[in-house]
Amino acid sequence: MTSARDAPSVVPAVARGAVYRLAQNVSLRPERFGALAYSFDTRKLSFLKHPDLVSVVSSFDGIATVGEVFDTVGVDPRRHASFLSALATLETSEMICHVDDPAP
């Protein structure tokens, strides 16, 4: 019998039409490999291992959708799935925040 504790955790996907912003108390520090994201609230550290992912996260303004940011940054459509997965992990880690009601 499998318990809930033994079940693999599933990170919900980020939608291309969703709007995000960098969490209020998160700082990005540029590095050769990409950037470090540090939350002063949770004291968590995340590695953003690609410069394009850093550009995406840095471009979140609470108004543009994820898809619009991908287009602006120039993310190859073949890489969207991996970026959406990485963004879901960043949301779960409280590095980025979903914006429920973006400004018009």
PDB file of N, CA and C in Angstrom:
ATOM      1  N   MET A   1       0.839  -1.172   0.000  1.00  0.00           N
ATOM      2  CA  MET A   1       0.000   0.000   0.000  1.00  0.00           C
ATOM      3  C   MET A   1       0.893   1.247   0.000  1.00  0.00           C
ATOM      4  N   THR A   2       0.501   2.240  -0.782  1.00  0.00           N
ATOM      5  CA  THR A   2       1.260   3.483  -0.893  1.00  0.00           C
ATOM      6  C   THR A   2       0.568   4.569  -0.093  1.00  0.00           C
ATOM      7  N   SER A   3       1.319   5.257   0.723  1.00  0.00           N
ATOM      8  CA  SER A   3       0.746   6.365   1.494  1.00  0.00           C
ATOM      9  C   SER A   3       0.991   7.670   0.753  1.00  0.00           C
ATOM     10  N   ALA A   4       0.316   8.710   1.180  1.00  0.00           N
ATOM     11  CA  ALA A   4       0.511  10.027   0.568  1.00  0.00           C
ATOM     12  C   ALA A   4       1.944  10.494   0.742  1.00  0.00           C
ATOM     13  N   ARG A   5       2.566  10.041   1.828  1.00  0.00           N
ATOM     14  CA  ARG A   5       3.939  10.424   2.096  1.00  0.00           C
ATOM     15  C   ARG A   5       4.897   9.802   1.085  1.00  0.00           C
ATOM     16  N   ASP A   6       4.559   8.611   0.553  1.00  0.00           N
ATOM     17  CA  ASP A   6       5.415   7.922  -0.403  1.00  0.00           C
ATOM     18  C   ASP A   6       5.194   8.382  -1.838  1.00  0.00           C
ATOM     19  N   ALA A   7       4.077   9.042  -2.094  1.00  0.00           N
ATOM     20  CA  ALA A   7       3.752   9.468  -3.449  1.00  0.00           C
ATOM     21  C   ALA A   7       4.699  10.569  -3.885  1.00  0.00           C
ATOM     22  N   PRO A   8       5.129  10.543  -5.151  1.00  0.00           N
ATOM     23  CA  PRO A   8       6.015  11.609  -5.627  1.00  0.00           C
ATOM     24  C   PRO A   8       5.269  12.935  -5.653  1.00  0.00           C
ATOM     25  N   SER A   9       5.981  14.003  -5.303  1.00  0.00           N
ATOM     26  CA  SER A   9       5.347  15.317  -5.334  1.00  0.00           C
ATOM     27  C   SER A   9       5.279  15.802  -6.774  1.00  0.00           C
ATOM     28  N   VAL A  10       4.157  16.368  -7.116  1.00  0.00           N
ATOM     29  CA  VAL A  10       3.948  16.877  -8.462  1.00  0.00           C
ATOM     30  C   VAL A  10       3.839  18.383  -8.368  1.00  0.00           C
ATOM     31  N   VAL A  11       4.687  19.068  -9.110  1.00  0.00           N
ATOM     32  CA  VAL A  11       4.661  20.529  -9.133  1.00  0.00           C
ATOM     33  C   VAL A  11       3.709  20.946 -10.247  1.00  0.00           C
ATOM     34  N   PRO A  12       2.641  21.690  -9.910  1.00  0.00           N
ATOM     35  CA  PRO A  12       1.704  22.107 -10.950  1.00  0.00           C
ATOM     36  C   PRO A  12       2.397  22.985 -11.980  1.00  0.00           C
ATOM     37  N   ALA A  13       1.984  22.830 -13.212  1.00  0.00           N
ATOM     38  CA  ALA A  13       2.593  23.585 -14.306  1.00  0.00           C
ATOM     39  C   ALA A  13       2.192  25.054 -14.249  1.00  0.00           C
ATOM     40  N   VAL A  14       3.068  25.888 -14.737  1.00  0.00           N
ATOM     41  CA  VAL A  14       2.793  27.310 -14.895  1.00  0.00           C
ATOM     42  C   VAL A  14       2.166  27.495 -16.275  1.00  0.00           C
ATOM     43  N   ALA A  15       1.097  28.259 -16.355  1.00  0.00           N
ATOM     44  CA  ALA A  15       0.417  28.515 -17.620  1.00  0.00           C
ATOM     45  C   ALA A  15       1.059  29.695 -18.343  1.00  0.00           C
ATOM     46  N   ARG A  16       1.091  29.602 -19.666  1.00  0.00           N
ATOM     47  CA  ARG A  16       1.650  30.694 -20.472  1.00  0.00           C
ATOM     48  C   ARG A  16       0.859  31.988 -20.298  1.00  0.00           C
ATOM     49  N   GLY A  17      -0.412  31.887 -19.961  1.00  0.00           N
ATOM     50  CA  GLY A  17      -1.244  33.079 -19.811  1.00  0.00           C
ATOM     51  C   GLY A  17      -1.211  33.675 -18.413  1.00  0.00           C
ATOM     52  N   ALA A  18      -0.465  33.055 -17.507  1.00  0.00           N
ATOM     53  CA  ALA A  18      -0.383  33.548 -16.132  1.00  0.00           C
ATOM     54  C   ALA A  18       0.545  34.755 -16.043  1.00  0.00           C
ATOM     55  N   VAL A  19       0.353  35.534 -15.007  1.00  0.00           N
ATOM     56  CA  VAL A  19       1.167  36.732 -14.772  1.00  0.00           C
ATOM     57  C   VAL A  19       1.912  36.547 -13.448  1.00  0.00           C
ATOM     58  N   TYR A  20       3.195  36.874 -13.461  1.00  0.00           N
ATOM     59  CA  TYR A  20       4.042  36.710 -12.275  1.00  0.00           C
ATOM     60  C   TYR A  20       4.863  37.958 -12.015  1.00  0.00           C
ATOM     61  N   ARG A  21       5.419  37.994 -10.821  1.00  0.00           N
ATOM     62  CA  ARG A  21       6.400  39.006 -10.438  1.00  0.00           C
ATOM     63  C   ARG A  21       7.399  38.314  -9.517  1.00  0.00           C
ATOM     64  N   LEU A  22       8.557  38.889  -9.376  1.00  0.00           N
ATOM     65  CA  LEU A  22       9.535  38.395  -8.415  1.00  0.00           C
ATOM     66  C   LEU A  22       8.956  38.628  -7.022  1.00  0.00           C
ATOM     67  N   ALA A  23       9.086  37.659  -6.146  1.00  0.00           N
ATOM     68  CA  ALA A  23       8.569  37.823  -4.784  1.00  0.00           C
ATOM     69  C   ALA A  23       9.222  39.045  -4.142  1.00  0.00           C
ATOM     70  N   GLN A  24       8.484  39.691  -3.287  1.00  0.00           N
ATOM     71  CA  GLN A  24       8.898  40.978  -2.717  1.00  0.00           C
ATOM     72  C   GLN A  24      10.262  40.930  -2.033  1.00  0.00           C
ATOM     73  N   ASN A  25      10.536  39.916  -1.261  1.00  0.00           N
ATOM     74  CA  ASN A  25      11.785  39.853  -0.515  1.00  0.00           C
ATOM     75  C   ASN A  25      12.782  38.872  -1.112  1.00  0.00           C
ATOM     76  N   VAL A  26      12.779  38.795  -2.448  1.00  0.00           N
ATOM     77  CA  VAL A  26      13.729  37.938  -3.158  1.00  0.00           C
ATOM     78  C   VAL A  26      14.697  38.826  -3.919  1.00  0.00           C
ATOM     79  N   SER A  27      15.957  38.450  -3.854  1.00  0.00           N
ATOM     80  CA  SER A  27      17.011  39.176  -4.550  1.00  0.00           C
ATOM     81  C   SER A  27      17.677  38.244  -5.552  1.00  0.00           C
ATOM     82  N   LEU A  28      17.945  38.756  -6.748  1.00  0.00           N
ATOM     83  CA  LEU A  28      18.690  38.006  -7.760  1.00  0.00           C
ATOM     84  C   LEU A  28      20.116  38.526  -7.805  1.00  0.00           C
ATOM     85  N   ARG A  29      21.068  37.605  -7.746  1.00  0.00           N
ATOM     86  CA  ARG A  29      22.471  37.984  -7.850  1.00  0.00           C
ATOM     87  C   ARG A  29      23.054  37.313  -9.088  1.00  0.00           C
ATOM     88  N   PRO A  30      23.491  38.120 -10.064  1.00  0.00           N
ATOM     89  CA  PRO A  30      24.068  37.548 -11.279  1.00  0.00           C
ATOM     90  C   PRO A  30      25.309  36.704 -10.975  1.00  0.00           C
ATOM     91  N   GLU A  31      25.420  35.599 -11.684  1.00  0.00           N
ATOM     92  CA  GLU A  31      26.574  34.704 -11.582  1.00  0.00           C
ATOM     93  C   GLU A  31      26.964  34.270 -12.986  1.00  0.00           C
ATOM     94  N   ARG A  32      28.143  33.682 -13.141  1.00  0.00           N
ATOM     95  CA  ARG A  32      28.595  33.220 -14.462  1.00  0.00           C
ATOM     96  C   ARG A  32      27.623  32.222 -15.087  1.00  0.00           C
ATOM     97  N   PHE A  33      27.008  31.382 -14.284  1.00  0.00           N
ATOM     98  CA  PHE A  33      26.116  30.336 -14.782  1.00  0.00           C
ATOM     99  C   PHE A  33      24.686  30.821 -14.979  1.00  0.00           C
ATOM    100  N   GLY A  34      24.347  31.972 -14.460  1.00  0.00           N
ATOM    101  CA  GLY A  34      22.987  32.502 -14.509  1.00  0.00           C
ATOM    102  C   GLY A  34      22.762  33.467 -13.368  1.00  0.00           C
ATOM    103  N   ALA A  35      22.163  32.963 -12.265  1.00  0.00           N
ATOM    104  CA  ALA A  35      21.943  33.822 -11.095  1.00  0.00           C
ATOM    105  C   ALA A  35      21.573  32.973  -9.887  1.00  0.00           C
ATOM    106  N   LEU A  36      21.749  33.580  -8.735  1.00  0.00           N
ATOM    107  CA  LEU A  36      21.266  33.018  -7.480  1.00  0.00           C
ATOM    108  C   LEU A  36      20.047  33.839  -7.072  1.00  0.00           C
ATOM    109  N   ALA A  37      19.000  33.150  -6.660  1.00  0.00           N
ATOM    110  CA  ALA A  37      17.820  33.820  -6.115  1.00  0.00           C
ATOM    111  C   ALA A  37      17.790  33.496  -4.633  1.00  0.00           C
ATOM    112  N   TYR A  38      17.708  34.531  -3.815  1.00  0.00           N
ATOM    113  CA  TYR A  38      17.687  34.338  -2.366  1.00  0.00           C
ATOM    114  C   TYR A  38      16.459  35.009  -1.786  1.00  0.00           C
ATOM    115  N   SER A  39      15.711  34.266  -0.971  1.00  0.00           N
ATOM    116  CA  SER A  39      14.544  34.813  -0.289  1.00  0.00           C
ATOM    117  C   SER A  39      14.935  35.196   1.137  1.00  0.00           C
ATOM    118  N   PHE A  40      14.771  36.468   1.460  1.00  0.00           N
ATOM    119  CA  PHE A  40      15.057  36.934   2.810  1.00  0.00           C
ATOM    120  C   PHE A  40      13.961  36.503   3.786  1.00  0.00           C
ATOM    121  N   ASP A  41      12.788  36.106   3.266  1.00  0.00           N
ATOM    122  CA  ASP A  41      11.696  35.626   4.120  1.00  0.00           C
ATOM    123  C   ASP A  41      11.903  34.165   4.513  1.00  0.00           C
ATOM    124  N   THR A  42      12.116  33.320   3.510  1.00  0.00           N
ATOM    125  CA  THR A  42      12.197  31.874   3.765  1.00  0.00           C
ATOM    126  C   THR A  42      13.627  31.386   3.932  1.00  0.00           C
ATOM    127  N   ARG A  43      14.590  32.237   3.592  1.00  0.00           N
ATOM    128  CA  ARG A  43      16.020  31.913   3.634  1.00  0.00           C
ATOM    129  C   ARG A  43      16.384  30.800   2.650  1.00  0.00           C
ATOM    130  N   LYS A  44      15.553  30.631   1.611  1.00  0.00           N
ATOM    131  CA  LYS A  44      15.831  29.642   0.578  1.00  0.00           C
ATOM    132  C   LYS A  44      16.719  30.257  -0.492  1.00  0.00           C
ATOM    133  N   LEU A  45      17.519  29.394  -1.097  1.00  0.00           N
ATOM    134  CA  LEU A  45      18.412  29.787  -2.173  1.00  0.00           C
ATOM    135  C   LEU A  45      18.101  28.918  -3.378  1.00  0.00           C
ATOM    136  N   SER A  46      17.922  29.540  -4.539  1.00  0.00           N
ATOM    137  CA  SER A  46      17.675  28.800  -5.777  1.00  0.00           C
ATOM    138  C   SER A  46      18.696  29.217  -6.813  1.00  0.00           C
ATOM    139  N   PHE A  47      19.118  28.239  -7.609  1.00  0.00           N
ATOM    140  CA  PHE A  47      20.052  28.498  -8.692  1.00  0.00           C
ATOM    141  C   PHE A  47      19.277  28.596  -9.993  1.00  0.00           C
ATOM    142  N   LEU A  48      19.425  29.710 -10.683  1.00  0.00           N
ATOM    143  CA  LEU A  48      18.869  29.863 -12.017  1.00  0.00           C
ATOM    144  C   LEU A  48      20.022  29.597 -12.964  1.00  0.00           C
ATOM    145  N   LYS A  49      20.001  28.418 -13.588  1.00  0.00           N
ATOM    146  CA  LYS A  49      21.178  27.903 -14.268  1.00  0.00           C
ATOM    147  C   LYS A  49      21.289  28.277 -15.734  1.00  0.00           C
ATOM    148  N   HIS A  50      20.483  29.188 -16.192  1.00  0.00           N
ATOM    149  CA  HIS A  50      20.606  29.626 -17.585  1.00  0.00           C
ATOM    150  C   HIS A  50      20.304  31.111 -17.681  1.00  0.00           C
ATOM    151  N   PRO A  51      21.121  31.852 -18.408  1.00  0.00           N
ATOM    152  CA  PRO A  51      20.897  33.302 -18.543  1.00  0.00           C
ATOM    153  C   PRO A  51      19.514  33.653 -19.088  1.00  0.00           C
ATOM    154  N   ASP A  52      18.958  32.804 -19.979  1.00  0.00           N
ATOM    155  CA  ASP A  52      17.620  33.094 -20.507  1.00  0.00           C
ATOM    156  C   ASP A  52      16.565  32.997 -19.407  1.00  0.00           C
ATOM    157  N   LEU A  53      16.723  32.053 -18.489  1.00  0.00           N
ATOM    158  CA  LEU A  53      15.783  31.941 -17.375  1.00  0.00           C
ATOM    159  C   LEU A  53      15.895  33.169 -16.475  1.00  0.00           C
ATOM    160  N   VAL A  54      17.104  33.646 -16.275  1.00  0.00           N
ATOM    161  CA  VAL A  54      17.312  34.869 -15.486  1.00  0.00           C
ATOM    162  C   VAL A  54      16.604  36.037 -16.168  1.00  0.00           C
ATOM    163  N   SER A  55      16.730  36.126 -17.483  1.00  0.00           N
ATOM    164  CA  SER A  55      16.062  37.204 -18.230  1.00  0.00           C
ATOM    165  C   SER A  55      14.553  37.124 -18.088  1.00  0.00           C
ATOM    166  N   VAL A  56      14.013  35.902 -18.134  1.00  0.00           N
ATOM    167  CA  VAL A  56      12.567  35.728 -17.972  1.00  0.00           C
ATOM    168  C   VAL A  56      12.132  36.189 -16.591  1.00  0.00           C
ATOM    169  N   VAL A  57      12.771  35.676 -15.561  1.00  0.00           N
ATOM    170  CA  VAL A  57      12.385  36.014 -14.186  1.00  0.00           C
ATOM    171  C   VAL A  57      12.570  37.513 -13.941  1.00  0.00           C
ATOM    172  N   SER A  58      13.638  38.080 -14.449  1.00  0.00           N
ATOM    173  CA  SER A  58      13.892  39.521 -14.279  1.00  0.00           C
ATOM    174  C   SER A  58      12.856  40.377 -15.007  1.00  0.00           C
ATOM    175  N   SER A  59      12.242  39.810 -16.042  1.00  0.00           N
ATOM    176  CA  SER A  59      11.266  40.553 -16.837  1.00  0.00           C
ATOM    177  C   SER A  59       9.852  40.482 -16.281  1.00  0.00           C
ATOM    178  N   PHE A  60       9.612  39.609 -15.313  1.00  0.00           N
ATOM    179  CA  PHE A  60       8.279  39.542 -14.716  1.00  0.00           C
ATOM    180  C   PHE A  60       7.987  40.868 -14.025  1.00  0.00           C
ATOM    181  N   ASP A  61       6.900  41.510 -14.468  1.00  0.00           N
ATOM    182  CA  ASP A  61       6.568  42.835 -13.948  1.00  0.00           C
ATOM    183  C   ASP A  61       5.180  42.910 -13.322  1.00  0.00           C
ATOM    184  N   GLY A  62       4.501  41.764 -13.238  1.00  0.00           N
ATOM    185  CA  GLY A  62       3.159  41.765 -12.682  1.00  0.00           C
ATOM    186  C   GLY A  62       2.099  42.192 -13.674  1.00  0.00           C
ATOM    187  N   ILE A  63       2.490  42.419 -14.930  1.00  0.00           N
ATOM    188  CA  ILE A  63       1.541  42.848 -15.962  1.00  0.00           C
ATOM    189  C   ILE A  63       1.582  41.914 -17.174  1.00  0.00           C
ATOM    190  N   ALA A  64       2.772  41.643 -17.691  1.00  0.00           N
ATOM    191  CA  ALA A  64       2.937  40.791 -18.874  1.00  0.00           C
ATOM    192  C   ALA A  64       2.731  39.322 -18.506  1.00  0.00           C
ATOM    193  N   THR A  65       2.146  38.562 -19.427  1.00  0.00           N
ATOM    194  CA  THR A  65       1.964  37.133 -19.199  1.00  0.00           C
ATOM    195  C   THR A  65       3.292  36.402 -19.415  1.00  0.00           C
ATOM    196  N   VAL A  66       3.341  35.178 -18.947  1.00  0.00           N
ATOM    197  CA  VAL A  66       4.535  34.355 -19.145  1.00  0.00           C
ATOM    198  C   VAL A  66       4.843  34.245 -20.641  1.00  0.00           C
ATOM    199  N   GLY A  67       3.825  33.996 -21.459  1.00  0.00           N
ATOM    200  CA  GLY A  67       4.022  33.894 -22.902  1.00  0.00           C
ATOM    201  C   GLY A  67       4.574  35.172 -23.512  1.00  0.00           C
ATOM    202  N   GLU A  68       4.072  36.311 -23.062  1.00  0.00           N
ATOM    203  CA  GLU A  68       4.572  37.594 -23.565  1.00  0.00           C
ATOM    204  C   GLU A  68       6.031  37.794 -23.167  1.00  0.00           C
ATOM    205  N   VAL A  69       6.366  37.401 -21.949  1.00  0.00           N
ATOM    206  CA  VAL A  69       7.756  37.521 -21.497  1.00  0.00           C
ATOM    207  C   VAL A  69       8.648  36.596 -22.318  1.00  0.00           C
ATOM    208  N   PHE A  70       8.206  35.358 -22.580  1.00  0.00           N
ATOM    209  CA  PHE A  70       8.976  34.437 -23.424  1.00  0.00           C
ATOM    210  C   PHE A  70       9.257  35.079 -24.779  1.00  0.00           C
ATOM    211  N   ASP A  71       8.226  35.691 -25.377  1.00  0.00           N
ATOM    212  CA  ASP A  71       8.391  36.323 -26.685  1.00  0.00           C
ATOM    213  C   ASP A  71       9.358  37.504 -26.620  1.00  0.00           C
ATOM    214  N   THR A  72       9.236  38.323 -25.583  1.00  0.00           N
ATOM    215  CA  THR A  72      10.102  39.492 -25.423  1.00  0.00           C
ATOM    216  C   THR A  72      11.558  39.084 -25.240  1.00  0.00           C
ATOM    217  N   VAL A  73      11.780  38.064 -24.416  1.00  0.00           N
ATOM    218  CA  VAL A  73      13.138  37.603 -24.134  1.00  0.00           C
ATOM    219  C   VAL A  73      13.708  36.813 -25.314  1.00  0.00           C
ATOM    220  N   GLY A  74      12.820  36.187 -26.101  1.00  0.00           N
ATOM    221  CA  GLY A  74      13.266  35.408 -27.242  1.00  0.00           C
ATOM    222  C   GLY A  74      13.528  33.945 -26.915  1.00  0.00           C
ATOM    223  N   VAL A  75      12.738  33.383 -25.997  1.00  0.00           N
ATOM    224  CA  VAL A  75      12.894  31.972 -25.638  1.00  0.00           C
ATOM    225  C   VAL A  75      12.388  31.116 -26.793  1.00  0.00           C
ATOM    226  N   ASP A  76      13.226  30.196 -27.259  1.00  0.00           N
ATOM    227  CA  ASP A  76      12.858  29.276 -28.333  1.00  0.00           C
ATOM    228  C   ASP A  76      11.642  28.459 -27.900  1.00  0.00           C
ATOM    229  N   PRO A  77      10.602  28.387 -28.736  1.00  0.00           N
ATOM    230  CA  PRO A  77       9.396  27.637 -28.367  1.00  0.00           C
ATOM    231  C   PRO A  77       9.669  26.177 -27.982  1.00  0.00           C
ATOM    232  N   ARG A  78      10.718  25.589 -28.496  1.00  0.00           N
ATOM    233  CA  ARG A  78      11.056  24.206 -28.133  1.00  0.00           C
ATOM    234  C   ARG A  78      11.495  24.100 -26.675  1.00  0.00           C
ATOM    235  N   ARG A  79      11.843  25.228 -26.061  1.00  0.00           N
ATOM    236  CA  ARG A  79      12.308  25.239 -24.673  1.00  0.00           C
ATOM    237  C   ARG A  79      11.224  25.678 -23.691  1.00  0.00           C
ATOM    238  N   HIS A  80      10.055  26.031 -24.186  1.00  0.00           N
ATOM    239  CA  HIS A  80       8.997  26.537 -23.313  1.00  0.00           C
ATOM    240  C   HIS A  80       8.635  25.549 -22.209  1.00  0.00           C
ATOM    241  N   ALA A  81       8.497  24.268 -22.539  1.00  0.00           N
ATOM    242  CA  ALA A  81       8.095  23.275 -21.529  1.00  0.00           C
ATOM    243  C   ALA A  81       9.089  23.224 -20.374  1.00  0.00           C
ATOM    244  N   SER A  82      10.383  23.240 -20.682  1.00  0.00           N
ATOM    245  CA  SER A  82      11.382  23.181 -19.607  1.00  0.00           C
ATOM    246  C   SER A  82      11.379  24.470 -18.790  1.00  0.00           C
ATOM    247  N   PHE A  83      11.130  25.597 -19.431  1.00  0.00           N
ATOM    248  CA  PHE A  83      11.063  26.871 -18.709  1.00  0.00           C
ATOM    249  C   PHE A  83       9.828  26.911 -17.818  1.00  0.00           C
ATOM    250  N   LEU A  84       8.691  26.408 -18.316  1.00  0.00           N
ATOM    251  CA  LEU A  84       7.472  26.379 -17.510  1.00  0.00           C
ATOM    252  C   LEU A  84       7.659  25.494 -16.284  1.00  0.00           C
ATOM    253  N   SER A  85       8.377  24.413 -16.439  1.00  0.00           N
ATOM    254  CA  SER A  85       8.680  23.527 -15.319  1.00  0.00           C
ATOM    255  C   SER A  85       9.575  24.231 -14.299  1.00  0.00           C
ATOM    256  N   ALA A  86      10.606  24.907 -14.781  1.00  0.00           N
ATOM    257  CA  ALA A  86      11.512  25.643 -13.892  1.00  0.00           C
ATOM    258  C   ALA A  86      10.757  26.752 -13.148  1.00  0.00           C
ATOM    259  N   LEU A  87       9.856  27.429 -13.850  1.00  0.00           N
ATOM    260  CA  LEU A  87       9.073  28.499 -13.220  1.00  0.00           C
ATOM    261  C   LEU A  87       8.132  27.935 -12.154  1.00  0.00           C
ATOM    262  N   ALA A  88       7.578  26.753 -12.404  1.00  0.00           N
ATOM    263  CA  ALA A  88       6.719  26.117 -11.402  1.00  0.00           C
ATOM    264  C   ALA A  88       7.510  25.821 -10.128  1.00  0.00           C
ATOM    265  N   THR A  89       8.736  25.382 -10.290  1.00  0.00           N
ATOM    266  CA  THR A  89       9.592  25.123  -9.131  1.00  0.00           C
ATOM    267  C   THR A  89       9.893  26.421  -8.390  1.00  0.00           C
ATOM    268  N   LEU A  90      10.154  27.493  -9.131  1.00  0.00           N
ATOM    269  CA  LEU A  90      10.411  28.789  -8.497  1.00  0.00           C
ATOM    270  C   LEU A  90       9.176  29.309  -7.767  1.00  0.00           C
ATOM    271  N   GLU A  91       8.001  29.037  -8.309  1.00  0.00           N
ATOM    272  CA  GLU A  91       6.766  29.452  -7.625  1.00  0.00           C
ATOM    273  C   GLU A  91       6.586  28.645  -6.337  1.00  0.00           C
ATOM    274  N   THR A  92       6.806  27.346  -6.408  1.00  0.00           N
ATOM    275  CA  THR A  92       6.689  26.499  -5.224  1.00  0.00           C
ATOM    276  C   THR A  92       7.692  26.921  -4.151  1.00  0.00           C
ATOM    277  N   SER A  93       8.873  27.376  -4.579  1.00  0.00           N
ATOM    278  CA  SER A  93       9.914  27.826  -3.656  1.00  0.00           C
ATOM    279  C   SER A  93       9.685  29.251  -3.157  1.00  0.00           C
ATOM    280  N   GLU A  94       8.601  29.873  -3.620  1.00  0.00           N
ATOM    281  CA  GLU A  94       8.237  31.236  -3.231  1.00  0.00           C
ATOM    282  C   GLU A  94       9.241  32.282  -3.714  1.00  0.00           C
ATOM    283  N   MET A  95       9.891  31.997  -4.855  1.00  0.00           N
ATOM    284  CA  MET A  95      10.804  32.977  -5.450  1.00  0.00           C
ATOM    285  C   MET A  95      10.050  33.927  -6.380  1.00  0.00           C
ATOM    286  N   ILE A  96       9.006  33.401  -7.025  1.00  0.00           N
ATOM    287  CA  ILE A  96       8.132  34.232  -7.854  1.00  0.00           C
ATOM    288  C   ILE A  96       6.713  34.083  -7.332  1.00  0.00           C
ATOM    289  N   CYS A  97       5.901  35.101  -7.573  1.00  0.00           N
ATOM    290  CA  CYS A  97       4.521  35.117  -7.086  1.00  0.00           C
ATOM    291  C   CYS A  97       3.558  35.301  -8.248  1.00  0.00           C
ATOM    292  N   HIS A  98       2.506  34.503  -8.235  1.00  0.00           N
ATOM    293  CA  HIS A  98       1.431  34.642  -9.215  1.00  0.00           C
ATOM    294  C   HIS A  98       0.656  35.918  -8.901  1.00  0.00           C
ATOM    295  N   VAL A  99       0.336  36.680  -9.933  1.00  0.00           N
ATOM    296  CA  VAL A  99      -0.441  37.901  -9.762  1.00  0.00           C
ATOM    297  C   VAL A  99      -1.860  37.585 -10.202  1.00  0.00           C
ATOM    298  N   ASP A 100      -2.804  37.650  -9.264  1.00  0.00           N
ATOM    299  CA  ASP A 100      -4.187  37.290  -9.552  1.00  0.00           C
ATOM    300  C   ASP A 100      -4.919  38.333 -10.385  1.00  0.00           C
ATOM    301  N   ASP A 101      -4.642  39.597 -10.152  1.00  0.00           N
ATOM    302  CA  ASP A 101      -5.371  40.655 -10.827  1.00  0.00           C
ATOM    303  C   ASP A 101      -4.382  41.683 -11.381  1.00  0.00           C
ATOM    304  N   PRO A 102      -3.761  41.372 -12.549  1.00  0.00           N
ATOM    305  CA  PRO A 102      -2.783  42.307 -13.093  1.00  0.00           C
ATOM    306  C   PRO A 102      -3.419  43.644 -13.464  1.00  0.00           C
ATOM    307  N   ALA A 103      -2.648  44.681 -13.316  1.00  0.00           N
ATOM    308  CA  ALA A 103      -3.109  46.023 -13.666  1.00  0.00           C
ATOM    309  C   ALA A 103      -3.349  46.099 -15.168  1.00  0.00           C
ATOM    310  N   PRO A 104      -4.421  46.806 -15.619  1.00  0.00           N
ATOM    311  CA  PRO A 104      -4.696  46.934 -17.052  1.00  0.00           C
ATOM    312  C   PRO A 104      -3.672  47.786 -17.767  1.00  0.00           C
TER     313      PRO A 104
END
